[in-house]
Amino acid sequence: MENKMMMPASYNVLSNEEMTYTEGGATVGQALAAWFWPGYATQIGIGKCREEVAKDRDNWLSNAWNNMLAECKGNVTNGFYYAGIIVNNAVFTIGSLGLYAVISLGNIYF
């Protein structure tokens, strides 16, 4: 007895590589939240950093960057999601430091 897989002519079988594009990843709502809701982007960014530090304390930054790039490869929504997290956290950090500098300079009397 021979085992044959009979499929219709229009049936497509996904390989393991193709499954990475169809499973998981950010939704459009998450991507928009990463861009327009700073608290969400900060929370996700901190969570991702904590996960990477827990995995490998010595190389967490390069591992986090490589994992992020791998998740963005071929997935536009993930790219938009991570770009929003990076931009939002950078703007928040620079803005906070700038505000701190202005407040500090305002307390100096000549």
Protein backbone atom coordinates (compact mmCIF):
# COMPACT_ATOMS: atom_id res chain seq x y z
CA MET A 1 0.00 0.00 0.00
CA GLU A 2 1.38 3.36 -1.04
CA ASN A 3 0.80 6.59 0.90
CA LYS A 4 -0.02 9.41 -1.48
CA MET A 5 -1.24 12.85 -0.65
CA MET A 6 -3.98 13.84 -3.08
CA MET A 7 -4.68 17.56 -3.31
CA PRO A 8 -6.72 19.72 -5.63
CA ALA A 9 -4.80 21.55 -8.36
CA SER A 10 -5.26 24.93 -6.65
CA TYR A 11 -4.02 23.78 -3.23
CA ASN A 12 -0.81 25.37 -1.92
CA VAL A 13 1.43 23.83 0.72
CA LEU A 14 3.34 26.31 2.88
CA SER A 15 6.92 25.59 3.84
CA ASN A 16 8.32 26.42 7.30
CA GLU A 17 9.88 29.62 5.93
CA GLU A 18 6.55 30.79 4.55
CA MET A 19 4.77 30.10 7.83
CA THR A 20 6.80 32.82 9.54
CA TYR A 21 4.99 35.37 7.38
CA THR A 22 1.54 34.00 8.17
CA GLU A 23 1.85 33.38 11.91
CA GLY A 24 2.34 35.92 14.65
CA GLY A 25 3.57 39.45 14.25
CA ALA A 26 2.00 42.78 14.99
CA THR A 27 -1.53 43.69 14.01
CA VAL A 28 -2.35 46.96 12.30
CA GLY A 29 -3.82 48.22 15.59
CA GLN A 30 -0.59 47.47 17.43
CA ALA A 31 1.44 49.19 14.73
CA LEU A 32 -0.72 52.32 14.91
CA ALA A 33 -0.59 52.29 18.72
CA ALA A 34 3.21 52.12 18.57
CA TRP A 35 3.23 55.32 16.50
CA PHE A 36 0.50 57.35 18.15
CA TRP A 37 0.44 56.20 21.79
CA PRO A 38 3.80 56.91 23.47
CA GLY A 39 3.04 54.94 26.64
CA TYR A 40 2.34 51.80 24.63
CA ALA A 41 5.61 52.13 22.69
CA THR A 42 7.55 52.66 25.91
CA GLN A 43 5.97 49.66 27.62
CA ILE A 44 6.63 47.37 24.64
CA GLY A 45 10.20 48.65 24.25
CA ILE A 46 11.00 48.04 27.91
CA GLY A 47 9.38 44.60 27.76
CA LYS A 48 11.44 43.60 24.70
CA CYS A 49 14.66 44.79 26.38
CA ARG A 50 13.86 42.83 29.54
CA GLU A 51 13.22 39.67 27.50
CA GLU A 52 16.55 40.01 25.70
CA VAL A 53 18.49 40.72 28.91
CA ALA A 54 16.93 37.64 30.51
CA LYS A 55 18.03 35.48 27.55
CA ASP A 56 21.63 36.72 27.30
CA ARG A 57 22.95 39.40 29.62
CA ASP A 58 26.20 39.98 27.71
CA ASN A 59 24.93 40.38 24.13
CA TRP A 60 21.35 41.51 24.67
CA LEU A 61 21.57 44.66 22.54
CA SER A 62 22.92 43.00 19.40
CA ASN A 63 20.55 40.05 19.89
CA ALA A 64 17.57 42.38 20.28
CA TRP A 65 18.53 44.27 17.11
CA ASN A 66 19.05 41.05 15.12
CA ASN A 67 15.75 39.57 16.34
CA MET A 68 13.90 42.76 15.48
CA LEU A 69 15.35 42.81 11.96
CA ALA A 70 14.48 39.14 11.49
CA GLU A 71 10.87 39.79 12.56
CA CYS A 72 10.60 42.75 10.17
CA LYS A 73 11.95 40.87 7.17
CA GLY A 74 9.10 40.38 4.72
CA ASN A 75 6.44 41.71 7.11
CA VAL A 76 5.46 45.34 6.55
CA THR A 77 3.27 45.53 9.64
CA ASN A 78 6.11 44.41 11.91
CA GLY A 79 8.44 46.94 10.27
CA PHE A 80 5.92 49.72 10.86
CA TYR A 81 5.38 48.50 14.43
CA TYR A 82 9.08 48.45 15.38
CA ALA A 83 9.76 51.75 13.60
CA GLY A 84 6.98 53.32 15.68
CA ILE A 85 8.44 51.94 18.89
CA ILE A 86 11.93 53.22 18.03
CA VAL A 87 10.78 56.68 16.90
CA ASN A 88 8.40 57.16 19.82
CA ASN A 89 10.99 56.12 22.41
CA ALA A 90 13.69 58.27 20.79
CA VAL A 91 11.42 61.33 20.67
CA PHE A 92 10.27 60.74 24.25
CA THR A 93 13.85 60.34 25.53
CA ILE A 94 15.22 63.37 23.66
CA GLY A 95 12.20 65.45 24.65
CA SER A 96 12.55 64.46 28.30
CA LEU A 97 16.24 65.33 28.35
CA GLY A 98 15.53 68.64 26.62
CA LEU A 99 12.79 69.49 29.09
CA TYR A 100 15.08 68.58 31.98
CA ALA A 101 17.81 70.84 30.55
CA VAL A 102 15.41 73.77 30.17
CA ILE A 103 14.08 73.34 33.69
CA SER A 104 17.62 73.04 35.07
CA LEU A 105 18.82 76.14 33.24
CA GLY A 106 15.80 78.06 34.50
CA ASN A 107 16.93 77.43 38.08
CA ILE A 108 20.37 78.98 37.52
CA TYR A 109 20.55 82.61 38.61
CA PHE A 110 23.28 84.93 37.35
